[in-house]
Amino acid sequence: MSARPLAIGDVDRYLDHVCAVEAESGLDGAGHSHAYTDSEPFDVEAGRDQEVARWSTEIDEVGWRRAWGLFDEDELVGNLCLVGGLLRSELHRANVGMGVTRSHRRQRGGSLLLATAIGWARRQLLIDWIDLSVFSDNPGAEALYARHGFQVVGRTPDRFRLHGRSLDDIAMTLHVARPGSDDVYGHGPHDK
């Protein structure tokens, strides 16, 4: 398997993949990967326009998004997106969302996607943190994120109720700022 950044020409494949992963969420006792109910289907047409706009937005602007695909030969079997904030004051943070088709889980593809996106984020001068949420019924995903250095920073009990199950929302974060960067959190020149 290989991972690469997705381009505008990949948006339809990406959206098809997102829909496929969402359809598998929570099935047969598997962990949930999203909080949408069956009565809230994803609007692919609206999603296409929104993704094209987000992927075209520079990372120093609100609402940017970058996506990577995991490929088994030419088949898109996983995706990861980093999403910039909706406020200028949070542009130093990105949120991660990831999905891998059931048939390709536990084959190190999620790890490859994470390593690729984290490496990219570390090369961006504006990004200091990557945040994510993982559901309490998905300990495999939580363990994967922890192996890549994400730390639990909070837990919201009973945040979502899906398919008759109460799910806690576990917040995790990873500091990606480079040593010596202008990180006002105290990890760079400002702590001198």
Protein backbone atom coordinates (compact mmCIF):
# COMPACT_ATOMS: atom_id res chain seq x y z
CA MET A 1 0.00 0.00 0.00
CA SER A 2 1.04 3.57 -0.59
CA ALA A 3 -0.13 7.00 0.56
CA ARG A 4 -0.15 10.22 -1.41
CA PRO A 5 -1.75 13.67 -1.27
CA LEU A 6 -5.09 13.90 -3.05
CA ALA A 7 -5.64 16.50 -5.78
CA ILE A 8 -8.84 18.17 -6.97
CA GLY A 9 -9.16 15.47 -9.66
CA ASP A 10 -9.43 12.87 -6.85
CA VAL A 11 -12.40 14.50 -5.12
CA ASP A 12 -15.06 12.14 -6.53
CA ARG A 13 -13.06 9.04 -5.55
CA TYR A 14 -12.47 10.58 -2.13
CA LEU A 15 -16.18 11.28 -1.57
CA ASP A 16 -17.14 7.78 -2.71
CA HIS A 17 -14.62 6.39 -0.24
CA VAL A 18 -15.91 8.58 2.60
CA CYS A 19 -19.44 7.28 1.94
CA ALA A 20 -18.20 3.67 1.90
CA VAL A 21 -16.38 4.07 5.23
CA GLU A 22 -19.39 5.81 6.78
CA ALA A 23 -21.62 2.91 5.69
CA GLU A 24 -19.32 0.51 7.61
CA SER A 25 -19.25 2.62 10.78
CA GLY A 26 -20.41 0.64 13.82
CA LEU A 27 -21.37 -2.48 11.85
CA ASP A 28 -21.08 -5.89 13.47
CA GLY A 29 -19.66 -4.48 16.69
CA ALA A 30 -16.93 -2.46 14.98
CA GLY A 31 -16.12 0.95 16.41
CA HIS A 32 -17.90 3.99 15.08
CA SER A 33 -15.97 6.37 12.86
CA HIS A 34 -18.53 9.18 12.64
CA ALA A 35 -21.46 10.54 14.60
CA TYR A 36 -24.06 10.76 11.84
CA THR A 37 -27.27 8.78 12.18
CA ASP A 38 -28.80 6.76 9.35
CA SER A 39 -31.34 9.56 8.86
CA GLU A 40 -28.55 12.06 8.06
CA PRO A 41 -27.10 10.84 4.75
CA PHE A 42 -24.07 12.62 3.34
CA ASP A 43 -24.93 15.01 0.50
CA VAL A 44 -22.31 14.10 -2.10
CA GLU A 45 -23.15 16.97 -4.47
CA ALA A 46 -22.83 19.61 -1.76
CA GLY A 47 -19.77 17.78 -0.42
CA ARG A 48 -18.02 17.96 -3.80
CA ASP A 49 -18.29 21.74 -4.03
CA GLN A 50 -17.29 22.14 -0.39
CA GLU A 51 -14.24 19.88 -0.73
CA VAL A 52 -13.02 21.61 -3.90
CA ALA A 53 -13.28 24.97 -2.12
CA ARG A 54 -11.53 23.70 1.01
CA TRP A 55 -8.75 21.90 -0.86
CA SER A 56 -8.13 25.11 -2.86
CA THR A 57 -7.87 27.31 0.27
CA GLU A 58 -4.36 28.23 1.44
CA ILE A 59 -3.48 27.04 4.94
CA ASP A 60 -3.16 30.60 6.23
CA GLU A 61 -6.91 31.07 5.58
CA VAL A 62 -9.85 29.74 7.59
CA GLY A 63 -11.55 26.57 6.43
CA TRP A 64 -8.64 24.96 4.56
CA ARG A 65 -8.41 21.20 4.14
CA ARG A 66 -5.78 18.81 2.83
CA ALA A 67 -6.41 15.14 2.12
CA TRP A 68 -4.30 12.04 1.56
CA GLY A 69 -5.32 8.74 0.09
CA LEU A 70 -4.23 5.23 0.94
CA PHE A 71 -3.99 3.10 -2.19
CA ASP A 72 -3.85 -0.63 -2.76
CA GLU A 73 -2.47 -0.50 -6.30
CA ASP A 74 -4.98 1.93 -7.90
CA GLU A 75 -7.84 1.37 -5.45
CA LEU A 76 -8.49 4.09 -2.83
CA VAL A 77 -8.84 2.13 0.43
CA GLY A 78 -8.21 4.84 3.02
CA ASN A 79 -8.25 8.58 3.52
CA LEU A 80 -7.03 11.13 6.00
CA CYS A 81 -7.82 14.81 6.03
CA LEU A 82 -6.39 17.68 8.02
CA VAL A 83 -8.81 20.53 8.53
CA GLY A 84 -7.93 24.09 9.49
CA GLY A 85 -9.98 26.09 11.94
CA LEU A 86 -12.92 28.35 11.25
CA LEU A 87 -11.35 31.23 13.18
CA ARG A 88 -8.05 32.97 12.40
CA SER A 89 -7.07 32.58 16.05
CA GLU A 90 -6.99 28.79 15.69
CA LEU A 91 -5.04 28.46 12.44
CA HIS A 92 -2.10 27.05 14.41
CA ARG A 93 -4.18 23.88 14.93
CA ALA A 94 -5.52 21.27 12.52
CA ASN A 95 -8.11 18.55 13.10
CA VAL A 96 -7.68 15.09 11.68
CA GLY A 97 -10.32 12.77 10.28
CA MET A 98 -9.46 9.34 8.95
CA GLY A 99 -11.17 6.30 7.50
CA VAL A 100 -9.93 2.98 6.14
CA THR A 101 -12.19 0.42 4.49
CA ARG A 102 -12.86 -2.60 6.64
CA SER A 103 -11.08 -4.99 4.27
CA HIS A 104 -7.83 -3.02 4.64
CA ARG A 105 -7.77 -2.34 8.38
CA ARG A 106 -4.98 -3.70 10.59
CA GLN A 107 -2.55 -3.73 7.68
CA ARG A 108 -0.59 -0.63 8.78
CA GLY A 109 -2.34 1.63 6.25
CA GLY A 110 -3.74 3.91 8.96
CA SER A 111 -0.25 4.23 10.39
CA LEU A 112 1.13 5.12 6.96
CA LEU A 113 -1.55 7.79 6.47
CA LEU A 114 -0.90 9.28 9.91
CA ALA A 115 2.88 9.35 9.46
CA THR A 116 2.49 11.01 6.06
CA ALA A 117 0.11 13.71 7.32
CA ILE A 118 2.09 14.34 10.52
CA GLY A 119 5.27 14.76 8.46
CA TRP A 120 3.51 17.26 6.21
CA ALA A 121 2.15 19.20 9.22
CA ARG A 122 5.60 19.39 10.79
CA ARG A 123 6.90 21.08 7.64
CA GLN A 124 4.20 23.79 7.80
CA LEU A 125 5.31 26.86 9.73
CA LEU A 126 1.73 27.72 10.71
CA ILE A 127 0.72 24.38 12.26
CA ASP A 128 1.74 23.65 15.85
CA TRP A 129 -0.92 21.11 16.91
CA ILE A 130 -3.02 18.32 15.42
CA ASP A 131 -6.25 17.48 17.26
CA LEU A 132 -8.73 14.63 16.88
CA SER A 133 -11.67 12.92 18.50
CA VAL A 134 -12.12 9.19 18.77
CA PHE A 135 -15.15 7.32 20.07
CA SER A 136 -14.90 5.16 23.18
CA ASP A 137 -16.05 2.07 21.25
CA ASN A 138 -13.00 2.30 18.98
CA PRO A 139 -10.01 1.35 21.20
CA GLY A 140 -8.00 0.19 18.18
CA ALA A 141 -8.10 3.69 16.69
CA GLU A 142 -7.25 5.26 20.05
CA ALA A 143 -4.23 2.93 20.36
CA LEU A 144 -3.12 3.79 16.81
CA TYR A 145 -3.21 7.51 17.58
CA ALA A 146 -1.33 6.96 20.86
CA ARG A 147 1.41 5.05 19.00
CA HIS A 148 1.89 8.17 16.87
CA GLY A 149 2.29 10.38 19.94
CA PHE A 150 -1.25 11.71 20.40
CA GLN A 151 -2.18 12.24 24.04
CA VAL A 152 -5.63 12.15 25.60
CA VAL A 153 -6.58 15.64 26.79
CA GLY A 154 -10.24 15.09 27.65
CA ARG A 155 -13.27 12.88 27.55
CA THR A 156 -16.93 13.83 27.16
CA PRO A 157 -19.15 11.06 28.57
CA ASP A 158 -22.28 10.08 26.63
CA ARG A 159 -21.46 12.61 23.89
CA PHE A 160 -23.24 10.68 21.14
CA ARG A 161 -25.97 8.04 21.01
CA LEU A 162 -25.78 5.87 17.91
CA HIS A 163 -27.50 2.60 17.12
CA GLY A 164 -28.69 2.31 20.73
CA ARG A 165 -25.21 2.85 22.18
CA SER A 166 -23.85 5.68 24.28
CA LEU A 167 -20.43 6.82 23.07
CA ASP A 168 -17.91 8.89 24.94
CA ASP A 169 -15.88 11.33 22.84
CA ILE A 170 -12.15 11.15 23.59
CA ALA A 171 -10.13 14.25 22.65
CA MET A 172 -6.48 13.72 21.69
CA THR A 173 -3.76 16.09 20.55
CA LEU A 174 -0.23 16.01 19.14
CA HIS A 175 2.29 18.86 19.30
CA VAL A 176 4.03 19.11 15.91
CA ALA A 177 5.81 22.49 16.11
CA ARG A 178 9.47 22.36 15.25
CA PRO A 179 12.04 23.13 17.97
CA GLY A 180 12.85 26.83 17.80
CA SER A 181 9.64 27.70 15.96
CA ASP A 182 7.62 30.72 16.99
CA ASP A 183 5.31 28.63 19.21
CA VAL A 184 3.77 30.85 21.91
CA TYR A 185 2.72 27.80 23.94
CA GLY A 186 6.18 27.72 25.47
CA HIS A 187 7.96 25.32 23.15
CA GLY A 188 9.99 27.87 21.17
CA PRO A 189 11.77 31.21 21.39
CA HIS A 190 9.04 32.74 23.55
CA ASP A 191 10.02 30.55 26.51
CA LYS A 192 13.45 32.21 26.79
